[in-house]
Structures are given as structure tokens and as C-alpha cells.
Amino acid sequence: MLLHFCGRADWAAAVAAGSYTADTLATEGFIHCSTAAQVHIPANALARGRTDLVLLHVDETRLPSPPVWEPGRPEDPDGMLFPHVYGPIPVDAVVAVTDFPPGPDGTFPPLLTP
């Protein structure tokens, strides 16, 4: 199971369109995803304090092509690979959507320990 966080409004627009496309699909060529053990890393780097986020639970077997596991940002833990989706995510590949609130200090705690 892959995870991707986005704003509730972005997900609502994706449902209406039939597929989800993050800004990074246009700027970097792929959509950043994570595992449950690593999703807090990009969330804290990119969305600290945001209270409008949801987690998309993506069944990778429902994607048109498999994700590519690649290094993240230089400041991520050494050797950590993240799943990147090279194309829009069909709405039917998202099997669950859950709220993703930060803690009281604005940070996102780990969902799972690696």
C-alpha cells in the first residue's frame, strides 16, 4: 500500500476528474508517494502545520504502471527509497482516504516505526 498526502480540496477535484494529479507530476514528472513508515518525513518537510490534509491509500496493483522506488531528498535518511508514480493516479486505485492531522506542535508523527 502506498500513501500520498494532499489537501481535501485537491482530492475532491480528483474525484470529480476521475484521476489525481499532484503539481509535481507537471514539475518533476511523477507523484511523490511513501510507505506508512516514511510518510511523516515528507509531511514534516513540506506541510508542517497544515490541517486540511488527507492520506490517499493507493493500491499499487491498480495503477496503470508500477511505482518506481527512488531516493528522496538529500536530507532524507541515507539509503531510503520512496515510491514515485509516473502518471496520474486513477481514483479507483485509491482504496481509502483518511484524515491526516498534525499533532499539537504542527508536526506529523510516524504512523509506523520502520
Protein backbone atom coordinates (compact mmCIF):
# COMPACT_ATOMS: atom_id res chain seq x y z
CA MET A 1 0.00 0.00 0.00
CA LEU A 2 1.33 3.41 -0.99
CA LEU A 3 0.39 6.65 0.74
CA HIS A 4 0.18 10.17 -0.63
CA PHE A 5 -0.96 13.24 1.29
CA CYS A 6 -2.85 16.11 -0.27
CA GLY A 7 -5.39 18.76 0.62
CA ARG A 8 -9.05 17.77 0.92
CA ALA A 9 -9.94 20.17 -1.90
CA ASP A 10 -7.34 18.57 -4.19
CA TRP A 11 -8.83 15.14 -3.52
CA ALA A 12 -12.36 16.41 -4.16
CA ALA A 13 -11.20 17.81 -7.52
CA ALA A 14 -9.57 14.47 -8.36
CA VAL A 15 -12.78 12.57 -7.61
CA ALA A 16 -14.65 14.88 -9.97
CA ALA A 17 -11.97 14.46 -12.67
CA GLY A 18 -11.54 10.69 -12.25
CA SER A 19 -7.82 10.85 -11.50
CA TYR A 20 -5.39 12.59 -9.17
CA THR A 21 -2.50 14.68 -10.45
CA ALA A 22 -0.22 16.43 -8.00
CA ASP A 23 1.66 19.59 -9.01
CA THR A 24 4.85 17.55 -9.05
CA LEU A 25 3.58 15.47 -11.95
CA ALA A 26 3.98 18.57 -14.14
CA THR A 27 7.12 19.94 -12.48
CA GLU A 28 9.06 16.73 -11.71
CA GLY A 29 7.35 14.13 -13.89
CA PHE A 30 6.00 12.00 -11.04
CA ILE A 31 3.80 11.98 -7.94
CA HIS A 32 5.63 11.50 -4.65
CA CYS A 33 4.33 8.65 -2.51
CA SER A 34 5.51 7.00 0.69
CA THR A 35 5.09 3.95 2.83
CA ALA A 36 3.35 4.18 6.20
CA ALA A 37 6.76 4.13 7.89
CA GLN A 38 8.05 7.13 5.94
CA VAL A 39 5.08 9.41 5.15
CA HIS A 40 5.81 11.64 8.15
CA ILE A 41 9.19 12.62 6.63
CA PRO A 42 7.86 14.48 3.56
CA ALA A 43 4.81 15.68 5.51
CA ASN A 44 7.03 17.43 8.05
CA ALA A 45 9.32 18.83 5.36
CA LEU A 46 6.54 20.11 3.09
CA ALA A 47 3.31 20.52 5.06
CA ARG A 48 4.12 21.14 8.72
CA GLY A 49 1.11 22.64 10.47
CA ARG A 50 -1.41 22.06 7.67
CA THR A 51 -4.74 20.89 9.00
CA ASP A 52 -6.52 20.26 5.69
CA LEU A 53 -4.65 17.11 4.67
CA VAL A 54 -5.90 13.65 3.85
CA LEU A 55 -3.95 10.47 3.20
CA LEU A 56 -4.69 8.64 -0.01
CA HIS A 57 -4.20 4.89 0.44
CA VAL A 58 -3.18 3.72 -3.02
CA ASP A 59 -3.30 0.07 -4.09
CA GLU A 60 -0.28 -0.10 -6.35
CA THR A 61 -1.73 -3.10 -8.22
CA ARG A 62 -4.47 -0.78 -9.50
CA LEU A 63 -2.02 1.72 -11.04
CA PRO A 64 -1.53 1.73 -14.83
CA SER A 65 2.20 1.15 -14.25
CA PRO A 66 4.13 0.16 -11.14
CA PRO A 67 5.77 2.80 -8.96
CA VAL A 68 9.49 3.40 -9.26
CA TRP A 69 11.45 3.30 -5.99
CA GLU A 70 13.98 6.13 -5.97
CA PRO A 71 15.98 8.22 -3.49
CA GLY A 72 14.15 11.13 -1.91
CA ARG A 73 15.71 14.43 -0.92
CA PRO A 74 19.35 14.66 0.19
CA GLU A 75 18.29 15.32 3.79
CA ASP A 76 16.21 12.10 3.97
CA PRO A 77 17.74 9.15 5.84
CA ASP A 78 20.59 7.52 3.94
CA GLY A 79 19.54 4.84 1.53
CA MET A 80 15.80 5.49 1.91
CA LEU A 81 13.86 4.92 -1.29
CA PHE A 82 10.42 6.40 -1.93
CA PRO A 83 7.80 5.18 -4.40
CA HIS A 84 7.22 7.58 -7.29
CA VAL A 85 4.18 7.26 -9.57
CA TYR A 86 4.92 8.35 -13.13
CA GLY A 87 1.44 9.36 -14.21
CA PRO A 88 -1.96 10.30 -12.81
CA ILE A 89 -3.39 8.11 -10.06
CA PRO A 90 -6.81 6.76 -11.07
CA VAL A 91 -9.44 7.42 -8.42
CA ASP A 92 -10.27 3.71 -8.33
CA ALA A 93 -6.66 2.95 -7.27
CA VAL A 94 -7.33 4.87 -4.04
CA VAL A 95 -8.89 2.31 -1.72
CA ALA A 96 -9.22 4.56 1.34
CA VAL A 97 -8.94 8.22 2.28
CA THR A 98 -8.23 9.17 5.89
CA ASP A 99 -7.73 12.46 7.69
CA PHE A 100 -4.06 13.32 8.28
CA PRO A 101 -3.92 15.95 11.04
CA PRO A 102 -0.67 17.16 12.59
CA GLY A 103 -0.03 16.91 16.30
CA PRO A 104 -0.46 19.92 18.62
CA ASP A 105 3.03 21.17 17.73
CA GLY A 106 2.25 21.09 13.99
CA THR A 107 4.39 18.05 13.22
CA PHE A 108 3.29 14.73 11.82
CA PRO A 109 4.34 11.74 13.94
CA PRO A 110 5.41 8.46 12.35
CA LEU A 111 2.47 6.19 11.52
CA LEU A 112 4.65 3.12 11.87
CA THR A 113 8.17 2.53 13.03
CA PRO A 114 10.47 1.24 10.26
